[in-house]
């Protein structure tokens, strides 16, 4: 992504993308940047992407991206181990269903572990 955006978009692998937005990012900037991310995903990956939302449920995210898995992960809290396993299994199933599928891990707040295990 270009400079001037308040987000972190990283291709962790060719098929796993991490997107996070800093905590101080206003809703207006978040919404604008989310639209840009959605356009980029659609242009590069068509309908072959699934967004896995590691934030609390966001209706704006689901509205822009119908293929969104809302995990109900409370911000700044660790989820139960069974929830992490469920998320990993859903991502694995999505990626194994088609070689063109990509998984997009979304987080509204800045989280330092997003590019590290257990999602790799």
Protein backbone atom coordinates (compact mmCIF):
# COMPACT_ATOMS: atom_id res chain seq x y z
CA UNK A 1 0.00 0.00 0.00
CA UNK A 2 1.08 3.59 -0.52
CA UNK A 3 2.34 5.86 2.22
CA UNK A 4 -0.23 8.01 3.99
CA UNK A 5 -2.42 5.06 4.96
CA UNK A 6 -3.02 4.25 8.60
CA UNK A 7 -2.85 0.49 8.25
CA UNK A 8 -0.38 -2.32 8.00
CA UNK A 9 -0.97 -4.69 5.06
CA UNK A 10 1.56 -7.49 4.78
CA UNK A 11 1.71 -10.59 2.62
CA UNK A 12 2.88 -13.09 5.27
CA UNK A 13 2.96 -15.71 2.50
CA UNK A 14 1.63 -15.62 -1.06
CA UNK A 15 -1.77 -16.73 0.26
CA UNK A 16 -1.94 -15.25 3.77
CA UNK A 17 -2.33 -11.50 4.20
CA UNK A 18 -2.32 -9.62 7.51
CA UNK A 19 -4.12 -6.26 7.78
CA UNK A 20 -4.15 -4.25 10.97
CA UNK A 21 -5.17 -0.72 11.82
CA UNK A 22 -3.64 1.25 14.71
CA UNK A 23 -5.73 1.87 17.80
CA UNK A 24 -5.63 5.66 17.30
CA UNK A 25 -7.00 5.44 13.76
CA UNK A 26 -10.31 7.33 13.57
CA UNK A 27 -13.44 5.59 12.31
CA UNK A 28 -13.48 7.88 9.25
CA UNK A 29 -9.88 7.02 8.30
CA UNK A 30 -10.49 3.35 9.08
CA UNK A 31 -13.55 3.28 6.82
CA UNK A 32 -11.72 5.04 3.98
CA UNK A 33 -8.69 2.73 4.25
CA UNK A 34 -10.94 -0.33 4.49
CA UNK A 35 -12.57 0.65 1.19
CA UNK A 36 -9.10 0.91 -0.40
CA UNK A 37 -8.07 -2.48 1.01
CA UNK A 38 -11.30 -4.02 -0.30
CA UNK A 39 -10.69 -2.58 -3.78
CA UNK A 40 -7.11 -3.89 -3.75
CA UNK A 41 -8.21 -7.37 -2.65
CA UNK A 42 -10.90 -7.53 -5.33
CA UNK A 43 -8.52 -6.33 -8.04
CA UNK A 44 -5.73 -8.77 -7.11
CA UNK A 45 -7.75 -11.74 -5.87
CA UNK A 46 -11.30 -11.30 -7.31
CA UNK A 47 -13.68 -13.25 -5.03
CA UNK A 48 -10.99 -15.65 -3.88
CA UNK A 49 -10.34 -14.05 -0.50
CA UNK A 50 -11.77 -14.70 2.95
CA UNK A 51 -11.37 -12.09 5.67
CA UNK A 52 -10.86 -13.52 9.14
CA UNK A 53 -11.73 -10.75 11.57
CA UNK A 54 -9.68 -11.00 14.77
CA UNK A 55 -11.45 -7.98 16.23
CA UNK A 56 -14.86 -7.57 17.70
CA UNK A 57 -17.64 -7.93 15.13
CA UNK A 58 -17.66 -5.04 12.64
CA UNK A 59 -20.75 -4.59 10.49
CA UNK A 60 -18.91 -2.23 8.12
CA UNK A 61 -16.32 -4.92 7.41
CA UNK A 62 -18.96 -7.58 6.78
CA UNK A 63 -21.01 -5.21 4.60
CA UNK A 64 -18.03 -4.45 2.32
CA UNK A 65 -16.73 -8.02 2.32
CA UNK A 66 -19.45 -10.69 2.38
CA UNK A 67 -16.81 -13.42 2.80
CA UNK A 68 -15.92 -12.43 6.36
CA UNK A 69 -15.49 -14.81 9.28
CA UNK A 70 -16.21 -12.85 12.46
CA UNK A 71 -14.45 -14.50 15.36
CA UNK A 72 -15.81 -12.34 18.17
CA UNK A 73 -12.26 -11.93 19.46
CA UNK A 74 -12.42 -9.17 22.10
CA UNK A 75 -9.88 -6.41 21.51
CA UNK A 76 -6.73 -6.59 23.61
CA UNK A 77 -7.67 -9.99 25.09
CA UNK A 78 -6.40 -13.46 24.36
CA UNK A 79 -9.07 -15.83 23.03
CA UNK A 80 -9.64 -19.31 24.40
CA UNK A 81 -7.44 -21.99 22.82
CA UNK A 82 -10.44 -23.69 21.20
CA UNK A 83 -11.26 -20.43 19.35
CA UNK A 84 -7.70 -20.22 17.99
CA UNK A 85 -7.96 -23.84 16.80
CA UNK A 86 -11.33 -23.15 15.15
CA UNK A 87 -9.90 -20.12 13.33
CA UNK A 88 -6.88 -22.10 12.12
CA UNK A 89 -9.08 -24.97 10.88
CA UNK A 90 -11.39 -22.55 9.02
CA UNK A 91 -8.40 -20.87 7.38
CA UNK A 92 -6.89 -24.24 6.44
CA UNK A 93 -10.19 -25.41 4.92
CA UNK A 94 -10.53 -22.19 2.91
CA UNK A 95 -6.97 -22.34 1.58
CA UNK A 96 -7.21 -26.06 0.72
CA UNK A 97 -10.50 -25.60 -1.18
CA UNK A 98 -8.85 -23.77 -4.10
CA UNK A 99 -5.23 -22.87 -4.94
CA UNK A 100 -6.37 -19.31 -5.78
CA UNK A 101 -7.88 -18.72 -2.33
CA UNK A 102 -6.15 -16.29 0.02
CA UNK A 103 -6.86 -15.66 3.69
CA UNK A 104 -6.83 -12.10 5.02
CA UNK A 105 -6.29 -11.78 8.76
CA UNK A 106 -7.89 -8.49 9.86
CA UNK A 107 -7.39 -6.68 13.15
CA UNK A 108 -8.78 -3.25 14.04
CA UNK A 109 -6.16 -2.59 16.72
CA UNK A 110 -2.41 -2.85 16.28
CA UNK A 111 -1.27 -6.25 17.49
CA UNK A 112 2.40 -7.21 17.46
CA UNK A 113 1.89 -10.95 16.95
CA UNK A 114 -0.14 -10.73 13.73
CA UNK A 115 2.73 -11.82 11.50
CA UNK A 116 3.77 -14.70 13.75
CA UNK A 117 2.42 -18.13 14.71
CA UNK A 118 -0.18 -19.60 15.14
CA UNK A 119 -1.35 -18.44 11.71
CA UNK A 120 1.63 -19.44 9.61
